[in-house]
Amino acid sequence: MAASPQISFDDFMKIDVRVGTIVDAQPFPEARRPAIKLWVDLGEEIGVKKSSAQITVHYDAEHLVGKQVAAVVNFPPRQIGKFMSEVLVLGFPDGEGEVVLVTADQPVPNGGRLY
C-alpha cells in the first residue's frame, strides 16, 4: 500500500490519539465479524470509554485487561450493533491482515497524548 498524501502538522494535531489501559474486555458474539468489547481508561480528563475491536485472532478478552493501548478519542461515537463504540483503538495489520494492537512498550500515564 502506497503512503497517503502529505498532510500539514496542523492536520496531524486534529487527530487526538491517547494512551489508555483496558479495564474490562468482553466477547462480542453479536458483531458481524468476531470482535471484543473493550472499556479503556483514558485518564481523569477523558474517563473510561468503550470500543469494539476486531482483534480475536491474536487476543482473547480475559488476557486484555491491564494492557495499555492507543486510541483516537475525537471521532464521533459509532453504533456497532447494540454497542456504542466511543473511541477507535488502533492497530496494525499482521502478514495476514489481522489486527495487532498499538501498545506502549513502557508503562505511561493514562490519557497521555501521542506526539
C-alpha atoms as a PDB file:
ATOM      1  CA  MET A   1       0.000   0.000   0.000  1.00  0.00           C
ATOM      2  CA  ALA A   2       1.404   3.381  -1.006  1.00  0.00           C
ATOM      3  CA  ALA A   3       1.804   6.197   1.504  1.00  0.00           C
ATOM      4  CA  SER A   4      -1.095   8.627   1.837  1.00  0.00           C
ATOM      5  CA  PRO A   5      -0.790  12.197   0.507  1.00  0.00           C
ATOM      6  CA  GLN A   6       1.170  14.581   2.715  1.00  0.00           C
ATOM      7  CA  ILE A   7      -0.694  16.498   5.401  1.00  0.00           C
ATOM      8  CA  SER A   8       0.295  19.507   7.451  1.00  0.00           C
ATOM      9  CA  PHE A   9       1.321  19.338  11.107  1.00  0.00           C
ATOM     10  CA  ASP A  10      -1.940  21.172  11.893  1.00  0.00           C
ATOM     11  CA  ASP A  11      -3.845  18.319  10.198  1.00  0.00           C
ATOM     12  CA  PHE A  12      -1.968  15.778  12.342  1.00  0.00           C
ATOM     13  CA  MET A  13      -2.772  17.722  15.510  1.00  0.00           C
ATOM     14  CA  LYS A  14      -6.506  17.422  14.761  1.00  0.00           C
ATOM     15  CA  ILE A  15      -6.286  13.672  15.456  1.00  0.00           C
ATOM     16  CA  ASP A  16      -6.311  13.153  19.227  1.00  0.00           C
ATOM     17  CA  VAL A  17      -4.532   9.852  19.949  1.00  0.00           C
ATOM     18  CA  ARG A  18      -4.268   8.960  23.642  1.00  0.00           C
ATOM     19  CA  VAL A  19      -2.975   6.025  25.651  1.00  0.00           C
ATOM     20  CA  GLY A  20      -5.259   4.121  27.972  1.00  0.00           C
ATOM     21  CA  THR A  21      -5.448   0.924  29.974  1.00  0.00           C
ATOM     22  CA  ILE A  22      -8.029  -1.742  29.185  1.00  0.00           C
ATOM     23  CA  VAL A  23     -10.050  -2.159  32.390  1.00  0.00           C
ATOM     24  CA  ASP A  24     -12.657  -4.600  31.033  1.00  0.00           C
ATOM     25  CA  ALA A  25     -12.990  -6.776  27.950  1.00  0.00           C
ATOM     26  CA  GLN A  26     -15.964  -8.920  26.940  1.00  0.00           C
ATOM     27  CA  PRO A  27     -16.633 -11.155  23.936  1.00  0.00           C
ATOM     28  CA  PHE A  28     -18.934  -9.549  21.355  1.00  0.00           C
ATOM     29  CA  PRO A  29     -20.644 -12.526  19.684  1.00  0.00           C
ATOM     30  CA  GLU A  30     -23.408 -10.345  18.188  1.00  0.00           C
ATOM     31  CA  ALA A  31     -20.907  -8.466  15.971  1.00  0.00           C
ATOM     32  CA  ARG A  32     -20.887  -9.265  12.243  1.00  0.00           C
ATOM     33  CA  ARG A  33     -17.160 -10.040  12.404  1.00  0.00           C
ATOM     34  CA  PRO A  34     -15.693 -11.593  15.551  1.00  0.00           C
ATOM     35  CA  ALA A  35     -14.900  -8.763  17.970  1.00  0.00           C
ATOM     36  CA  ILE A  36     -14.234  -7.909  21.600  1.00  0.00           C
ATOM     37  CA  LYS A  37     -15.906  -5.096  23.547  1.00  0.00           C
ATOM     38  CA  LEU A  38     -13.317  -3.014  25.388  1.00  0.00           C
ATOM     39  CA  TRP A  39     -13.533  -0.463  28.188  1.00  0.00           C
ATOM     40  CA  VAL A  40     -10.433   1.732  28.142  1.00  0.00           C
ATOM     41  CA  ASP A  41      -9.400   4.066  30.986  1.00  0.00           C
ATOM     42  CA  LEU A  42      -8.073   7.155  29.204  1.00  0.00           C
ATOM     43  CA  GLY A  43      -7.245   9.128  32.324  1.00  0.00           C
ATOM     44  CA  GLU A  44      -9.044  11.574  34.562  1.00  0.00           C
ATOM     45  CA  GLU A  45      -9.813  14.136  31.844  1.00  0.00           C
ATOM     46  CA  ILE A  46     -11.454  11.687  29.404  1.00  0.00           C
ATOM     47  CA  GLY A  47     -12.511   8.796  31.633  1.00  0.00           C
ATOM     48  CA  VAL A  48     -13.403   5.234  30.645  1.00  0.00           C
ATOM     49  CA  LYS A  49     -14.584   4.882  27.043  1.00  0.00           C
ATOM     50  CA  LYS A  50     -15.931   1.890  25.120  1.00  0.00           C
ATOM     51  CA  SER A  51     -14.641   0.417  21.874  1.00  0.00           C
ATOM     52  CA  SER A  52     -15.428  -2.580  19.684  1.00  0.00           C
ATOM     53  CA  ALA A  53     -12.289  -4.165  18.230  1.00  0.00           C
ATOM     54  CA  GLN A  54     -11.926  -6.972  15.684  1.00  0.00           C
ATOM     55  CA  ILE A  55      -8.902  -8.444  17.425  1.00  0.00           C
ATOM     56  CA  THR A  56      -9.988 -12.028  18.195  1.00  0.00           C
ATOM     57  CA  VAL A  57      -7.245 -13.701  16.144  1.00  0.00           C
ATOM     58  CA  HIS A  58      -4.414 -12.504  18.389  1.00  0.00           C
ATOM     59  CA  TYR A  59      -6.257 -11.647  21.624  1.00  0.00           C
ATOM     60  CA  ASP A  60      -8.858 -13.069  23.955  1.00  0.00           C
ATOM     61  CA  ALA A  61     -10.902 -10.970  26.346  1.00  0.00           C
ATOM     62  CA  GLU A  62      -9.542 -12.420  29.586  1.00  0.00           C
ATOM     63  CA  HIS A  63      -5.922 -11.529  28.732  1.00  0.00           C
ATOM     64  CA  LEU A  64      -6.522  -7.923  27.598  1.00  0.00           C
ATOM     65  CA  VAL A  65      -7.275  -6.330  30.981  1.00  0.00           C
ATOM     66  CA  GLY A  66      -4.290  -4.263  32.078  1.00  0.00           C
ATOM     67  CA  LYS A  67      -2.855  -3.798  28.561  1.00  0.00           C
ATOM     68  CA  GLN A  68      -2.125  -0.204  27.548  1.00  0.00           C
ATOM     69  CA  VAL A  69      -3.320   0.702  24.044  1.00  0.00           C
ATOM     70  CA  ALA A  70      -3.504   3.726  21.748  1.00  0.00           C
ATOM     71  CA  ALA A  71      -6.906   5.120  20.745  1.00  0.00           C
ATOM     72  CA  VAL A  72      -8.331   8.000  18.725  1.00  0.00           C
ATOM     73  CA  VAL A  73     -10.609   9.834  21.160  1.00  0.00           C
ATOM     74  CA  ASN A  74     -12.084  12.595  18.977  1.00  0.00           C
ATOM     75  CA  PHE A  75     -14.086  10.629  16.403  1.00  0.00           C
ATOM     76  CA  PRO A  76     -17.870  10.731  16.862  1.00  0.00           C
ATOM     77  CA  PRO A  77     -19.353   7.661  18.621  1.00  0.00           C
ATOM     78  CA  ARG A  78     -20.334   4.815  16.295  1.00  0.00           C
ATOM     79  CA  GLN A  79     -23.125   2.307  16.824  1.00  0.00           C
ATOM     80  CA  ILE A  80     -21.885  -1.285  16.356  1.00  0.00           C
ATOM     81  CA  GLY A  81     -24.963  -3.467  16.704  1.00  0.00           C
ATOM     82  CA  LYS A  82     -26.358  -2.747  20.177  1.00  0.00           C
ATOM     83  CA  PHE A  83     -22.981  -1.408  21.387  1.00  0.00           C
ATOM     84  CA  MET A  84     -21.888   2.240  21.181  1.00  0.00           C
ATOM     85  CA  SER A  85     -18.191   2.483  20.331  1.00  0.00           C
ATOM     86  CA  GLU A  86     -16.812   5.771  21.675  1.00  0.00           C
ATOM     87  CA  VAL A  87     -13.129   5.557  20.693  1.00  0.00           C
ATOM     88  CA  LEU A  88     -11.116   3.833  17.967  1.00  0.00           C
ATOM     89  CA  VAL A  89      -8.454   1.516  19.395  1.00  0.00           C
ATOM     90  CA  LEU A  90      -5.517   1.451  16.972  1.00  0.00           C
ATOM     91  CA  GLY A  91      -3.675  -1.468  15.442  1.00  0.00           C
ATOM     92  CA  PHE A  92      -1.503  -2.565  12.534  1.00  0.00           C
ATOM     93  CA  PRO A  93      -2.193  -5.490  10.194  1.00  0.00           C
ATOM     94  CA  ASP A  94      -0.019  -8.557  10.553  1.00  0.00           C
ATOM     95  CA  GLY A  95       1.082 -10.544   7.495  1.00  0.00           C
ATOM     96  CA  GLU A  96      -2.434 -11.981   7.155  1.00  0.00           C
ATOM     97  CA  GLY A  97      -4.222  -8.651   7.631  1.00  0.00           C
ATOM     98  CA  GLU A  98      -5.276  -9.366  11.231  1.00  0.00           C
ATOM     99  CA  VAL A  99      -5.066  -6.589  13.830  1.00  0.00           C
ATOM    100  CA  VAL A 100      -2.109  -6.255  16.204  1.00  0.00           C
ATOM    101  CA  LEU A 101      -2.774  -3.573  18.821  1.00  0.00           C
ATOM    102  CA  VAL A 102      -0.635  -0.436  19.122  1.00  0.00           C
ATOM    103  CA  THR A 103       0.730  -0.514  22.672  1.00  0.00           C
ATOM    104  CA  ALA A 104       3.197   1.393  24.817  1.00  0.00           C
ATOM    105  CA  ASP A 105       6.412  -0.574  25.412  1.00  0.00           C
ATOM    106  CA  GLN A 106       6.829   1.087  28.842  1.00  0.00           C
ATOM    107  CA  PRO A 107       4.085   1.992  31.340  1.00  0.00           C
ATOM    108  CA  VAL A 108       2.866   5.568  30.814  1.00  0.00           C
ATOM    109  CA  PRO A 109       0.127   7.628  32.492  1.00  0.00           C
ATOM    110  CA  ASN A 110      -3.364   7.052  31.081  1.00  0.00           C
ATOM    111  CA  GLY A 111      -4.569   9.930  28.917  1.00  0.00           C
ATOM    112  CA  GLY A 112      -1.151  10.882  27.542  1.00  0.00           C
ATOM    113  CA  ARG A 113      -1.399  12.326  24.045  1.00  0.00           C
ATOM    114  CA  LEU A 114       0.639  10.974  21.139  1.00  0.00           C
ATOM    115  CA  TYR A 115       3.287  13.302  19.772  1.00  0.00           C
END
